[in-house]
Protein backbone atom coordinates (compact mmCIF):
# COMPACT_ATOMS: atom_id res chain seq x y z
CA MET A 1 126.05 146.96 132.94
CA THR A 2 128.12 149.38 134.97
CA ASP A 3 129.83 152.68 134.45
CA ASP A 4 133.05 154.03 135.91
CA PRO A 5 134.45 157.57 135.91
CA SER A 6 137.63 156.22 134.32
CA ALA A 7 135.80 155.27 131.12
CA GLY A 8 137.26 157.43 128.41
CA ALA A 9 139.21 159.52 130.88
CA ALA A 10 142.51 158.88 129.12
CA ASP A 11 141.21 161.44 126.67
CA SER A 12 142.77 164.51 128.21
CA SER A 13 140.43 166.82 126.29
CA ALA A 14 137.26 165.09 127.42
CA THR A 15 136.45 167.58 130.13
CA THR A 16 137.53 170.84 128.51
CA SER A 17 135.00 173.61 127.95
CA GLU A 18 135.57 173.73 124.19
CA GLY A 19 133.24 171.88 121.86
CA LEU A 20 130.49 172.25 119.31
CA ASP A 21 128.55 175.52 119.36
CA SER A 22 125.97 177.35 117.30
CA SER A 23 128.49 178.12 114.55
CA THR A 24 129.50 174.48 114.03
CA PRO A 25 128.38 172.84 110.76
CA ARG A 26 125.54 170.34 111.12
CA LEU A 27 125.49 166.87 109.57
CA LEU A 28 121.67 166.95 109.42
CA ASP A 29 119.70 170.16 109.26
CA SER A 30 116.65 171.10 111.25
CA SER A 31 114.29 169.94 108.49
CA THR A 32 115.24 166.29 109.14
CA ARG A 33 113.64 164.45 112.04
CA PRO A 34 116.35 164.08 114.69
CA VAL A 35 117.47 160.65 115.84
CA GLY A 36 116.48 159.84 119.43
CA VAL A 37 119.54 158.94 121.51
CA GLY A 38 119.66 157.13 124.84
CA LEU A 39 122.90 157.40 126.80
CA VAL A 40 124.07 154.47 128.94
CA GLY A 41 126.96 155.18 131.31
CA CYS A 42 127.06 158.51 133.13
CA GLY A 43 130.75 158.73 133.99
CA VAL A 44 133.19 161.55 133.32
CA ILE A 45 133.12 161.47 129.54
CA SER A 46 129.32 161.61 129.33
CA GLU A 47 129.43 165.34 130.13
CA VAL A 48 131.25 166.38 126.95
CA TYR A 49 129.13 164.05 124.80
CA LEU A 50 125.89 165.53 126.14
CA ARG A 51 127.11 169.09 125.78
CA ASN A 52 128.26 168.61 122.19
CA LEU A 53 125.24 166.58 121.08
CA ALA A 54 122.99 169.41 122.25
CA ALA A 55 124.54 171.52 119.45
CA GLN A 56 123.70 169.00 116.70
CA ASP A 57 120.31 169.34 115.02
CA GLY A 58 120.33 165.72 113.83
CA VAL A 59 120.19 164.12 117.27
CA ARG A 60 118.09 164.52 120.39
CA VAL A 61 119.09 162.85 123.65
CA VAL A 62 115.89 161.57 125.24
CA ALA A 63 117.15 159.77 128.37
CA VAL A 64 120.21 158.74 130.35
CA ALA A 65 120.80 155.57 132.35
CA ASP A 66 123.41 153.97 134.55
CA ALA A 67 123.58 150.86 136.70
CA VAL A 68 124.19 153.26 139.59
CA ALA A 69 120.93 155.21 139.71
CA GLU A 70 122.48 158.19 141.51
CA LYS A 71 124.90 158.76 138.63
CA ALA A 72 122.09 158.83 136.08
CA GLN A 73 120.03 161.17 138.23
CA ALA A 74 122.93 163.56 138.72
CA ARG A 75 123.87 163.69 135.03
CA GLY A 76 120.26 163.85 133.91
CA GLY A 77 119.59 166.70 136.31
CA GLU A 78 122.61 168.58 135.00
CA PHE A 79 121.25 168.49 131.44
CA GLY A 80 117.51 168.47 132.10
CA LEU A 81 117.12 164.87 130.91
CA PRO A 82 115.07 162.04 132.43
CA ALA A 83 117.09 159.37 134.23
CA THR A 84 115.94 155.80 133.89
CA THR A 85 117.16 152.22 134.12
CA VAL A 86 119.16 150.57 131.34
CA GLU A 87 116.34 148.13 130.71
CA ALA A 88 113.73 150.88 130.41
CA LEU A 89 115.97 152.90 128.10
CA LEU A 90 116.43 149.93 125.77
CA ALA A 91 112.65 149.38 125.69
CA ASP A 92 111.85 153.04 124.98
CA PRO A 93 110.57 153.42 121.37
CA ALA A 94 111.84 157.02 121.33
CA VAL A 95 115.41 155.71 121.60
CA GLU A 96 116.70 154.81 118.14
CA LEU A 97 120.42 154.96 118.93
CA VAL A 98 122.14 153.86 122.13
CA LEU A 99 125.27 155.79 123.13
CA ASN A 100 127.32 153.24 125.07
CA LEU A 101 129.73 155.01 127.45
CA THR A 102 130.21 152.15 129.90
CA PRO A 103 133.69 150.83 130.82
CA PRO A 104 135.27 148.50 128.22
CA ALA A 105 134.36 145.36 130.18
CA ALA A 106 130.67 146.22 129.67
CA HIS A 107 130.89 147.45 126.07
CA ALA A 108 129.85 144.16 124.49
CA GLU A 109 127.04 143.45 126.94
CA VAL A 110 125.40 146.83 126.40
CA ALA A 111 126.00 146.89 122.64
CA LEU A 112 124.51 143.44 122.14
CA ALA A 113 121.51 144.31 124.31
CA ALA A 114 120.93 147.45 122.23
CA ILE A 115 121.22 145.52 118.97
CA GLY A 116 118.85 142.87 120.31
CA ALA A 117 116.34 145.64 121.02
CA GLY A 118 116.60 146.81 117.40
CA LYS A 119 118.64 149.94 118.21
CA ALA A 120 121.70 151.31 116.50
CA VAL A 121 124.62 151.67 118.91
CA TYR A 122 127.68 153.90 119.20
CA THR A 123 130.29 152.67 121.68
CA GLU A 124 133.28 154.31 123.30
CA LYS A 125 136.58 152.71 122.32
CA PRO A 126 137.44 149.89 122.15
CA LEU A 127 134.51 148.14 120.47
CA ALA A 128 134.88 145.27 122.95
CA VAL A 129 137.59 143.69 125.08
CA SER A 130 137.60 140.27 123.41
CA LEU A 131 137.87 139.66 119.68
CA GLU A 132 134.99 137.20 119.87
CA ASP A 133 132.66 139.81 121.38
CA GLY A 134 133.69 142.37 118.76
CA ARG A 135 133.00 139.93 115.97
CA ARG A 136 129.59 139.09 117.46
CA ILE A 137 128.61 142.78 117.72
CA VAL A 138 129.33 143.38 114.04
CA ALA A 139 127.64 140.15 112.94
CA GLU A 140 124.48 140.60 115.00
CA ALA A 141 124.11 144.21 113.92
CA ALA A 142 124.26 143.10 110.29
CA ALA A 143 121.71 140.38 110.95
CA GLN A 144 119.36 142.84 112.69
CA GLY A 145 119.86 145.52 110.03
CA VAL A 146 121.05 148.16 112.50
CA LEU A 147 124.16 150.34 112.34
CA VAL A 148 127.14 150.24 114.71
CA GLY A 149 129.57 153.07 115.30
CA CYS A 150 132.53 153.36 117.61
CA ALA A 151 134.97 155.93 118.95
CA PRO A 152 137.33 157.50 118.32
CA ASP A 153 135.64 160.15 116.21
CA THR A 154 138.77 162.32 116.17
CA VAL A 155 139.35 160.84 112.69
CA LEU A 156 136.37 162.98 111.56
CA GLY A 157 137.90 166.20 112.91
CA GLY A 158 139.42 169.04 110.93
CA GLY A 159 143.04 168.07 111.55
CA LEU A 160 143.00 164.46 110.35
CA GLN A 161 140.50 165.26 107.58
CA THR A 162 142.95 167.89 106.29
CA CYS A 163 145.61 165.17 106.28
CA ARG A 164 143.22 162.99 104.29
CA ASP A 165 142.83 165.78 101.72
CA LEU A 166 146.62 166.04 101.38
CA LEU A 167 147.02 162.29 100.88
CA ASP A 168 144.20 162.17 98.32
CA ALA A 169 145.86 165.04 96.44
CA ALA A 170 149.16 163.08 96.37
CA ALA A 171 150.88 165.87 98.32
CA ILE A 172 153.41 163.36 99.67
CA GLY A 173 153.53 161.18 96.57
CA GLU A 174 152.98 157.47 97.21
CA PRO A 175 152.85 156.63 100.95
CA VAL A 176 155.60 154.19 101.88
CA ALA A 177 155.84 154.22 105.69
CA ALA A 178 154.47 155.67 108.91
CA THR A 179 155.41 155.99 112.56
CA ALA A 180 153.09 156.28 115.55
CA PHE A 181 154.22 156.85 119.13
CA MET A 182 152.07 157.06 122.27
CA LEU A 183 154.67 157.34 125.01
CA SER A 184 153.69 158.14 128.60
CA PRO A 185 154.81 157.40 132.16
CA GLY A 186 151.29 156.19 132.97
CA HIS A 187 147.90 157.49 134.05
CA GLU A 188 148.42 156.96 137.79
CA ARG A 189 150.15 160.36 137.83
CA TRP A 190 146.93 162.28 137.20
CA HIS A 191 143.87 160.04 137.18
CA PRO A 192 141.94 159.76 140.48
CA ALA A 193 141.02 156.07 139.86
CA PRO A 194 143.64 154.58 137.50
CA ASP A 195 143.06 150.90 138.35
CA PHE A 196 141.32 150.05 135.06
CA PHE A 197 144.28 151.15 132.95
CA TYR A 198 146.34 148.26 134.32
CA LEU A 199 143.75 145.51 133.95
CA PRO A 200 142.83 143.44 130.84
CA GLY A 201 141.20 145.74 128.30
CA GLY A 202 143.39 148.59 129.51
CA GLY A 203 147.08 149.26 129.04
CA PRO A 204 148.43 151.74 126.51
CA LEU A 205 147.50 149.67 123.45
CA PHE A 206 143.81 149.09 124.17
CA ASP A 207 143.28 152.44 125.91
CA MET A 208 145.13 154.78 123.53
CA GLY A 209 145.95 152.59 120.54
CA PRO A 210 142.51 153.04 118.93
CA TYR A 211 143.26 156.74 118.32
CA TYR A 212 146.46 155.98 116.45
CA LEU A 213 145.27 152.87 114.63
CA SER A 214 141.94 154.39 113.57
CA ALA A 215 143.84 157.36 112.13
CA LEU A 216 146.28 155.14 110.23
CA VAL A 217 143.56 152.88 108.81
CA THR A 218 141.37 155.85 107.87
CA LEU A 219 144.29 157.44 106.02
CA LEU A 220 146.17 154.42 104.63
CA GLY A 221 143.54 151.68 104.45
CA PRO A 222 143.39 148.23 106.08
CA VAL A 223 146.25 146.24 107.61
CA ARG A 224 147.12 142.77 106.33
CA ARG A 225 149.58 141.46 108.94
CA VAL A 226 151.17 142.41 112.26
CA THR A 227 154.16 141.48 114.35
CA GLY A 228 155.42 142.92 117.61
CA SER A 229 156.59 142.57 121.18
CA ALA A 230 154.91 143.45 124.47
CA ARG A 231 155.81 143.43 128.15
CA ALA A 232 154.80 144.74 131.56
CA SER A 233 157.60 146.59 133.30
CA SER A 234 156.39 145.97 136.85
CA ALA A 235 153.85 143.96 138.79
CA GLU A 236 152.49 147.02 140.63
CA ARG A 237 152.17 150.77 140.13
CA THR A 238 152.09 153.48 142.79
CA ILE A 239 149.38 156.12 142.46
CA THR A 240 150.77 159.65 142.71
CA SER A 241 147.47 161.47 142.07
CA GLU A 242 144.88 162.48 144.65
CA PRO A 243 142.94 161.26 146.53
CA ARG A 244 144.73 157.88 146.63
CA ARG A 245 148.36 159.03 146.57
CA GLY A 246 150.73 156.28 147.70
CA GLU A 247 148.32 153.38 147.09
CA ARG A 248 149.75 150.49 145.08
CA ILE A 249 147.64 148.82 142.38
CA PRO A 250 148.26 145.55 140.50
CA VAL A 251 149.37 145.45 136.86
CA ARG A 252 147.66 142.66 134.91
CA THR A 253 148.20 143.79 131.35
CA ASN A 254 151.18 144.73 129.19
CA THR A 255 152.35 148.31 129.54
CA HIS A 256 154.75 148.59 126.57
CA HIS A 257 154.11 147.47 122.97
CA ALA A 258 156.25 147.77 119.86
CA ALA A 259 154.59 146.65 116.63
CA VAL A 260 155.12 146.61 112.88
CA LEU A 261 152.03 146.83 110.66
CA ASP A 262 151.99 145.86 106.99
CA PHE A 263 149.17 147.63 105.12
CA VAL A 264 147.30 146.06 102.23
CA GLY A 265 148.23 149.06 100.07
CA GLY A 266 151.97 148.66 100.71
CA PRO A 267 153.03 151.06 103.50
CA ILE A 268 154.71 149.70 106.62
CA ALA A 269 154.06 151.40 109.95
CA THR A 270 155.86 151.28 113.29
CA LEU A 271 153.60 151.63 116.34
CA VAL A 272 154.86 152.01 119.92
CA THR A 273 152.48 152.48 122.85
CA SER A 274 153.78 152.70 126.40
CA PHE A 275 153.00 153.62 129.98
CA ASP A 276 156.69 153.05 130.83
CA VAL A 277 158.41 156.07 129.23
CA PRO A 278 159.32 158.95 131.60
CA ALA A 279 159.77 161.50 128.78
CA SER A 280 159.98 161.59 124.99
CA GLU A 281 160.28 163.93 122.01
CA ALA A 282 159.10 161.33 119.50
CA PRO A 283 156.41 162.56 117.06
CA LYS A 284 152.83 161.41 117.61
CA LEU A 285 152.16 160.45 113.99
CA GLU A 286 154.08 160.85 110.74
CA ILE A 287 153.49 159.47 107.24
CA TYR A 288 156.33 159.33 104.73
CA GLY A 289 155.85 159.36 100.98
CA THR A 290 157.98 159.31 97.85
CA ALA A 291 157.75 163.11 97.57
CA ALA A 292 157.26 164.48 101.09
CA ALA A 293 156.71 163.74 104.77
CA LEU A 294 153.50 164.56 106.61
CA SER A 295 153.41 165.40 110.33
CA LEU A 296 149.95 164.71 111.73
CA PRO A 297 148.27 166.18 114.82
CA ASP A 298 147.82 164.25 118.04
CA PRO A 299 145.10 161.72 117.06
CA ASN A 300 143.49 162.22 120.47
CA THR A 301 142.48 165.73 119.33
CA PHE A 302 140.35 167.20 116.55
CA GLY A 303 142.50 170.08 115.31
CA GLY A 304 146.08 170.65 114.16
CA PRO A 305 148.83 171.30 113.63
CA VAL A 306 149.36 169.65 110.24
CA ARG A 307 152.82 170.08 108.75
CA LEU A 308 154.37 169.09 105.42
CA ARG A 309 158.00 168.87 104.36
CA ALA A 310 158.86 168.07 100.75
CA ALA A 311 162.02 166.21 99.79
CA GLY A 312 164.82 168.77 99.66
CA ASP A 313 163.05 171.36 101.82
CA GLU A 314 165.03 172.76 104.74
CA ALA A 315 162.05 173.15 107.08
CA TRP A 316 158.51 172.01 107.74
CA ARG A 317 155.65 174.25 106.66
CA GLU A 318 152.34 174.38 108.47
CA VAL A 319 149.28 173.55 106.37
CA PRO A 320 146.09 175.52 107.12
CA ILE A 321 143.25 173.38 108.48
CA GLY A 322 140.65 173.45 105.75
CA ARG A 323 137.96 171.45 107.54
CA PRO A 324 135.49 172.10 110.38
CA TYR A 325 135.42 170.44 113.80
CA THR A 326 138.78 171.51 115.20
CA GLU A 327 137.76 171.96 118.85
CA ASN A 328 136.84 169.16 121.22
CA SER A 329 134.01 167.57 119.22
CA ARG A 330 133.38 164.32 121.13
CA GLY A 331 130.00 163.13 119.92
CA LEU A 332 130.69 163.97 116.27
CA GLY A 333 130.74 160.24 115.52
CA VAL A 334 127.31 159.86 117.11
CA ALA A 335 125.91 162.66 114.96
CA GLU A 336 127.55 161.20 111.85
CA LEU A 337 126.06 157.77 112.62
CA ALA A 338 122.66 159.41 113.09
CA ALA A 339 123.03 161.06 109.69
CA ALA A 340 123.83 157.65 108.19
CA MET A 341 120.65 156.27 109.74
CA ARG A 342 118.62 158.98 108.00
CA ASP A 343 120.30 159.27 104.58
CA GLY A 344 121.65 155.73 104.13
CA HIS A 345 125.37 156.47 103.69
CA ARG A 346 128.04 154.19 105.16
CA PRO A 347 129.09 155.55 108.58
CA ARG A 348 132.71 156.63 108.80
CA ALA A 349 133.52 155.83 112.45
CA SER A 350 131.95 152.42 111.90
CA GLY A 351 131.80 149.17 113.80
CA GLU A 352 133.70 147.50 110.97
CA LEU A 353 136.57 149.98 111.35
CA ALA A 354 136.56 149.50 115.14
CA PHE A 355 136.60 145.71 114.77
CA HIS A 356 139.54 145.88 112.35
CA VAL A 357 141.40 148.01 114.92
CA LEU A 358 140.46 145.56 117.69
CA GLU A 359 141.82 142.65 115.66
CA ILE A 360 145.08 144.54 115.03
CA MET A 361 145.53 145.15 118.77
CA HIS A 362 144.92 141.51 119.64
CA ALA A 363 147.32 140.52 116.86
CA VAL A 364 150.11 142.56 118.46
CA GLU A 365 149.63 140.63 121.71
CA THR A 366 149.47 137.31 119.87
CA ALA A 367 152.58 138.10 117.83
CA SER A 368 154.54 138.86 120.97
CA ARG A 369 153.30 135.77 122.77
CA GLU A 370 153.92 133.40 119.85
CA GLY A 371 156.91 135.09 118.19
CA ARG A 372 155.51 135.38 114.66
CA HIS A 373 153.66 137.51 112.13
CA VAL A 374 149.88 137.37 112.56
CA GLU A 375 147.66 137.66 109.50
CA ILE A 376 144.69 140.01 109.88
CA VAL A 377 141.49 138.28 108.80
CA SER A 378 139.12 141.25 108.78
CA SER A 379 139.22 144.11 106.35
CA VAL A 380 137.46 147.44 106.03
CA GLU A 381 136.94 149.92 103.27
CA ARG A 382 138.85 153.17 103.73
CA PRO A 383 136.12 155.53 105.00
CA GLU A 384 135.00 158.30 102.71
CA PRO A 385 136.24 161.79 103.66
CA MET A 386 133.85 164.00 105.59
CA PRO A 387 131.68 166.35 103.51
CA SER A 388 133.61 169.49 102.63
CA GLY A 389 130.79 171.89 103.52
């Protein structure tokens, strides 16, 4: 069970100063006993989670842990929290929910240990590296009667929830198609330790794809089949960031994916994720309907802009964001899962959603390798919209 500063660092907003504050709506009020949270993995992204969770009445972080004791002590000291071992944290009766911020290779190990200890668990994306591990997490949680949640929680933010309201109000008519593009020259340009992004479990699809796929499934429902192509453009990459500028690192995963997704409800989506594109003006996300087109915000963020253009209109119009959580609200999914633990509703950023996304990503790789459509076995109910208050 290890942690690495690169975990979650592809999220460019993870270390900004914006986040939840005293004016942010709460999912559970102060009259409800808060859920005790234990954080495992004290890398870069843990800072924004801890800061934002401190503003939620429904949760209370009780301890932090990391396989590297110095990391836990440093992060715990920063937030006035006790630092402990992973084993002690899992045995602590005050911990009801484990926040799993370890690197992807350790996601399954930590999640399964938490479930085995009778704890709910919320994991950074992806749910697991292998499909088998993801399936086991969901199955064992169901058997133990504990809840599983998983990032990204940007789907709960004001921007994408406003898009959900527009779709539910038939503002675009019947959805017929979508496009999703995550095009980048690669993380070695800016990340101080980019090695992970070019190893199995990394690459643009598994690192960034969950943002785009979670948004599409939340808005359009489950996917029934997938086809696509994938490749790696080079065997090595040269780091151009500090402090390792000029160092060459191996590439052991695909760095460009082009996929077609057929949704159960009828729409067909095109998804392209790449670390091989020097520049692009392609839109992040768009959904096309029989009456209008919808331009969605970057799914790696919580706010807008949201734009709509009806058939026959000469220009796009910006739609006001009518929902809360528009700043960097990492940790919102943890608070929403905690609320589900207390009031019994189905969590929105759920393990089932994350597993469906994981299966889609593996299906893209399989389709490319085998040259065929791949049927998606799992399904998931379209999550309910966030409360409007």
